[in-house]
């Protein structure tokens, strides 16, 4: 998880893409759902910039080639030039294919500070 957070903070679309499945989607704290290509385009354009991405893994459940993680952390940066800092819960679903775990879905929820 730390390496994925580091890729996001590097604001490097290729580094982020290495962790996600081609069909990956993310549902954000604002209720918007973004597909992989759209999220990576936002990062590439600089509209979405992360300066912090930290999390503590709370739970991992593995069922054959599927794993679901629950983590609590902080996401900070700028969205279209406006600073943000969110405490959040993240639920990620991973699949194991070709010897690698890749995320297929992410759901981010606000956490009470």
C-alpha atoms as a PDB file:
ATOM      1  CA  UNK A   1       0.000   0.000   0.000  1.00  0.00           C
ATOM      2  CA  UNK A   2       2.848   2.370   0.754  1.00  0.00           C
ATOM      3  CA  UNK A   3       4.266   1.991  -2.746  1.00  0.00           C
ATOM      4  CA  UNK A   4       0.858   2.811  -4.232  1.00  0.00           C
ATOM      5  CA  UNK A   5       0.588   5.916  -2.037  1.00  0.00           C
ATOM      6  CA  UNK A   6       4.101   6.920  -3.084  1.00  0.00           C
ATOM      7  CA  UNK A   7       3.100   6.585  -6.763  1.00  0.00           C
ATOM      8  CA  UNK A   8       0.097   8.844  -6.193  1.00  0.00           C
ATOM      9  CA  UNK A   9       2.177  11.487  -4.369  1.00  0.00           C
ATOM     10  CA  UNK A  10       4.717  11.371  -7.208  1.00  0.00           C
ATOM     11  CA  UNK A  11       1.837  12.492  -9.453  1.00  0.00           C
ATOM     12  CA  UNK A  12       3.111  10.030 -12.043  1.00  0.00           C
ATOM     13  CA  UNK A  13       0.273   8.504 -14.089  1.00  0.00           C
ATOM     14  CA  UNK A  14       2.457   5.600 -15.272  1.00  0.00           C
ATOM     15  CA  UNK A  15       3.452   4.751 -11.687  1.00  0.00           C
ATOM     16  CA  UNK A  16      -0.195   4.845 -10.551  1.00  0.00           C
ATOM     17  CA  UNK A  17      -1.245   2.781 -13.569  1.00  0.00           C
ATOM     18  CA  UNK A  18       1.144  -0.008 -12.527  1.00  0.00           C
ATOM     19  CA  UNK A  19      -1.088  -0.698  -9.502  1.00  0.00           C
ATOM     20  CA  UNK A  20      -4.494  -0.698 -11.181  1.00  0.00           C
ATOM     21  CA  UNK A  21      -6.366  -3.018 -13.502  1.00  0.00           C
ATOM     22  CA  UNK A  22      -7.389  -1.649 -16.915  1.00  0.00           C
ATOM     23  CA  UNK A  23     -11.014  -1.666 -15.696  1.00  0.00           C
ATOM     24  CA  UNK A  24     -10.279   0.113 -12.386  1.00  0.00           C
ATOM     25  CA  UNK A  25     -12.806   2.622 -11.061  1.00  0.00           C
ATOM     26  CA  UNK A  26     -12.650   4.908  -8.033  1.00  0.00           C
ATOM     27  CA  UNK A  27     -15.599   6.379  -6.149  1.00  0.00           C
ATOM     28  CA  UNK A  28     -14.395   9.492  -4.316  1.00  0.00           C
ATOM     29  CA  UNK A  29     -15.476  11.311  -1.179  1.00  0.00           C
ATOM     30  CA  UNK A  30     -17.367  13.773  -3.400  1.00  0.00           C
ATOM     31  CA  UNK A  31     -19.559  10.939  -4.699  1.00  0.00           C
ATOM     32  CA  UNK A  32     -18.068  11.084  -8.195  1.00  0.00           C
ATOM     33  CA  UNK A  33     -17.010   7.872  -9.920  1.00  0.00           C
ATOM     34  CA  UNK A  34     -13.967   8.050 -12.147  1.00  0.00           C
ATOM     35  CA  UNK A  35     -12.688   5.368 -14.472  1.00  0.00           C
ATOM     36  CA  UNK A  36      -8.976   4.615 -14.780  1.00  0.00           C
ATOM     37  CA  UNK A  37      -8.355   6.660 -17.935  1.00  0.00           C
ATOM     38  CA  UNK A  38     -10.144   9.711 -16.531  1.00  0.00           C
ATOM     39  CA  UNK A  39      -8.292   9.579 -13.210  1.00  0.00           C
ATOM     40  CA  UNK A  40      -4.909   9.196 -14.922  1.00  0.00           C
ATOM     41  CA  UNK A  41      -5.737  12.097 -17.268  1.00  0.00           C
ATOM     42  CA  UNK A  42      -6.535  14.336 -14.271  1.00  0.00           C
ATOM     43  CA  UNK A  43      -3.168  13.471 -12.732  1.00  0.00           C
ATOM     44  CA  UNK A  44      -1.315  13.967 -16.039  1.00  0.00           C
ATOM     45  CA  UNK A  45      -2.935  17.368 -16.603  1.00  0.00           C
ATOM     46  CA  UNK A  46      -2.095  18.641 -13.112  1.00  0.00           C
ATOM     47  CA  UNK A  47      -5.766  19.227 -12.293  1.00  0.00           C
ATOM     48  CA  UNK A  48      -5.361  16.688  -9.482  1.00  0.00           C
ATOM     49  CA  UNK A  49      -2.102  16.925  -7.534  1.00  0.00           C
ATOM     50  CA  UNK A  50      -1.382  14.921  -4.401  1.00  0.00           C
ATOM     51  CA  UNK A  51       1.136  16.160  -1.833  1.00  0.00           C
ATOM     52  CA  UNK A  52       0.267  13.548   0.802  1.00  0.00           C
ATOM     53  CA  UNK A  53      -1.173  10.059   0.716  1.00  0.00           C
ATOM     54  CA  UNK A  54      -0.792   8.118   3.916  1.00  0.00           C
ATOM     55  CA  UNK A  55      -2.785   5.215   5.235  1.00  0.00           C
ATOM     56  CA  UNK A  56      -2.872   2.552   7.880  1.00  0.00           C
ATOM     57  CA  UNK A  57      -4.077  -0.835   6.794  1.00  0.00           C
ATOM     58  CA  UNK A  58      -6.894  -1.907   9.115  1.00  0.00           C
ATOM     59  CA  UNK A  59      -8.080  -5.125   7.488  1.00  0.00           C
ATOM     60  CA  UNK A  60      -7.253  -7.508   4.654  1.00  0.00           C
ATOM     61  CA  UNK A  61      -9.532 -10.325   3.528  1.00  0.00           C
ATOM     62  CA  UNK A  62      -8.242 -12.734   0.879  1.00  0.00           C
ATOM     63  CA  UNK A  63     -10.596 -15.071  -0.967  1.00  0.00           C
ATOM     64  CA  UNK A  64      -8.659 -17.120  -3.536  1.00  0.00           C
ATOM     65  CA  UNK A  65      -7.576 -14.573  -6.196  1.00  0.00           C
ATOM     66  CA  UNK A  66      -9.529 -11.638  -4.725  1.00  0.00           C
ATOM     67  CA  UNK A  67      -8.482  -9.464  -1.799  1.00  0.00           C
ATOM     68  CA  UNK A  68     -10.362  -6.624  -0.123  1.00  0.00           C
ATOM     69  CA  UNK A  69      -8.512  -4.085   2.009  1.00  0.00           C
ATOM     70  CA  UNK A  70      -9.755  -1.465   4.428  1.00  0.00           C
ATOM     71  CA  UNK A  71      -7.452   1.415   5.335  1.00  0.00           C
ATOM     72  CA  UNK A  72      -7.739   4.760   7.072  1.00  0.00           C
ATOM     73  CA  UNK A  73      -5.566   7.645   6.046  1.00  0.00           C
ATOM     74  CA  UNK A  74      -5.047  11.160   4.780  1.00  0.00           C
ATOM     75  CA  UNK A  75      -5.170  12.436   1.217  1.00  0.00           C
ATOM     76  CA  UNK A  76      -3.996  15.986   0.555  1.00  0.00           C
ATOM     77  CA  UNK A  77      -3.098  18.151  -2.401  1.00  0.00           C
ATOM     78  CA  UNK A  78      -4.910  20.412  -4.835  1.00  0.00           C
ATOM     79  CA  UNK A  79      -7.946  19.902  -7.048  1.00  0.00           C
ATOM     80  CA  UNK A  80      -7.979  22.393  -9.912  1.00  0.00           C
ATOM     81  CA  UNK A  81      -5.804  24.681  -7.809  1.00  0.00           C
ATOM     82  CA  UNK A  82      -7.908  24.456  -4.635  1.00  0.00           C
ATOM     83  CA  UNK A  83      -6.171  22.834  -1.665  1.00  0.00           C
ATOM     84  CA  UNK A  84      -7.760  19.829   0.023  1.00  0.00           C
ATOM     85  CA  UNK A  85      -6.912  17.614   2.971  1.00  0.00           C
ATOM     86  CA  UNK A  86      -9.217  14.697   3.671  1.00  0.00           C
ATOM     87  CA  UNK A  87      -9.210  12.083   6.385  1.00  0.00           C
ATOM     88  CA  UNK A  88     -10.711   9.070   4.704  1.00  0.00           C
ATOM     89  CA  UNK A  89     -11.495   5.394   4.695  1.00  0.00           C
ATOM     90  CA  UNK A  90     -10.472   3.487   1.597  1.00  0.00           C
ATOM     91  CA  UNK A  91     -11.861   0.135   0.506  1.00  0.00           C
ATOM     92  CA  UNK A  92      -9.894  -1.481  -2.313  1.00  0.00           C
ATOM     93  CA  UNK A  93     -10.640  -4.680  -4.189  1.00  0.00           C
ATOM     94  CA  UNK A  94      -7.659  -6.445  -5.770  1.00  0.00           C
ATOM     95  CA  UNK A  95      -7.429  -9.385  -8.155  1.00  0.00           C
ATOM     96  CA  UNK A  96      -4.415 -11.644  -8.568  1.00  0.00           C
ATOM     97  CA  UNK A  97      -3.561 -12.191 -12.235  1.00  0.00           C
ATOM     98  CA  UNK A  98      -0.321 -13.078 -13.963  1.00  0.00           C
ATOM     99  CA  UNK A  99       1.514 -13.167 -10.645  1.00  0.00           C
ATOM    100  CA  UNK A 100       0.485  -9.611  -9.612  1.00  0.00           C
ATOM    101  CA  UNK A 101      -2.159  -8.025  -7.418  1.00  0.00           C
ATOM    102  CA  UNK A 102      -3.917  -5.131  -9.176  1.00  0.00           C
ATOM    103  CA  UNK A 103      -6.727  -2.963  -7.894  1.00  0.00           C
ATOM    104  CA  UNK A 104     -10.056  -3.194  -9.730  1.00  0.00           C
ATOM    105  CA  UNK A 105     -12.216  -0.943  -7.517  1.00  0.00           C
ATOM    106  CA  UNK A 106     -11.592   1.757  -4.926  1.00  0.00           C
ATOM    107  CA  UNK A 107     -14.222   3.398  -2.734  1.00  0.00           C
ATOM    108  CA  UNK A 108     -13.177   6.363  -0.605  1.00  0.00           C
ATOM    109  CA  UNK A 109     -15.346   7.578   2.262  1.00  0.00           C
ATOM    110  CA  UNK A 110     -14.912  10.533   4.614  1.00  0.00           C
ATOM    111  CA  UNK A 111     -13.589   9.588   8.062  1.00  0.00           C
ATOM    112  CA  UNK A 112     -14.545  11.424  11.208  1.00  0.00           C
ATOM    113  CA  UNK A 113     -11.380  13.120  12.516  1.00  0.00           C
END
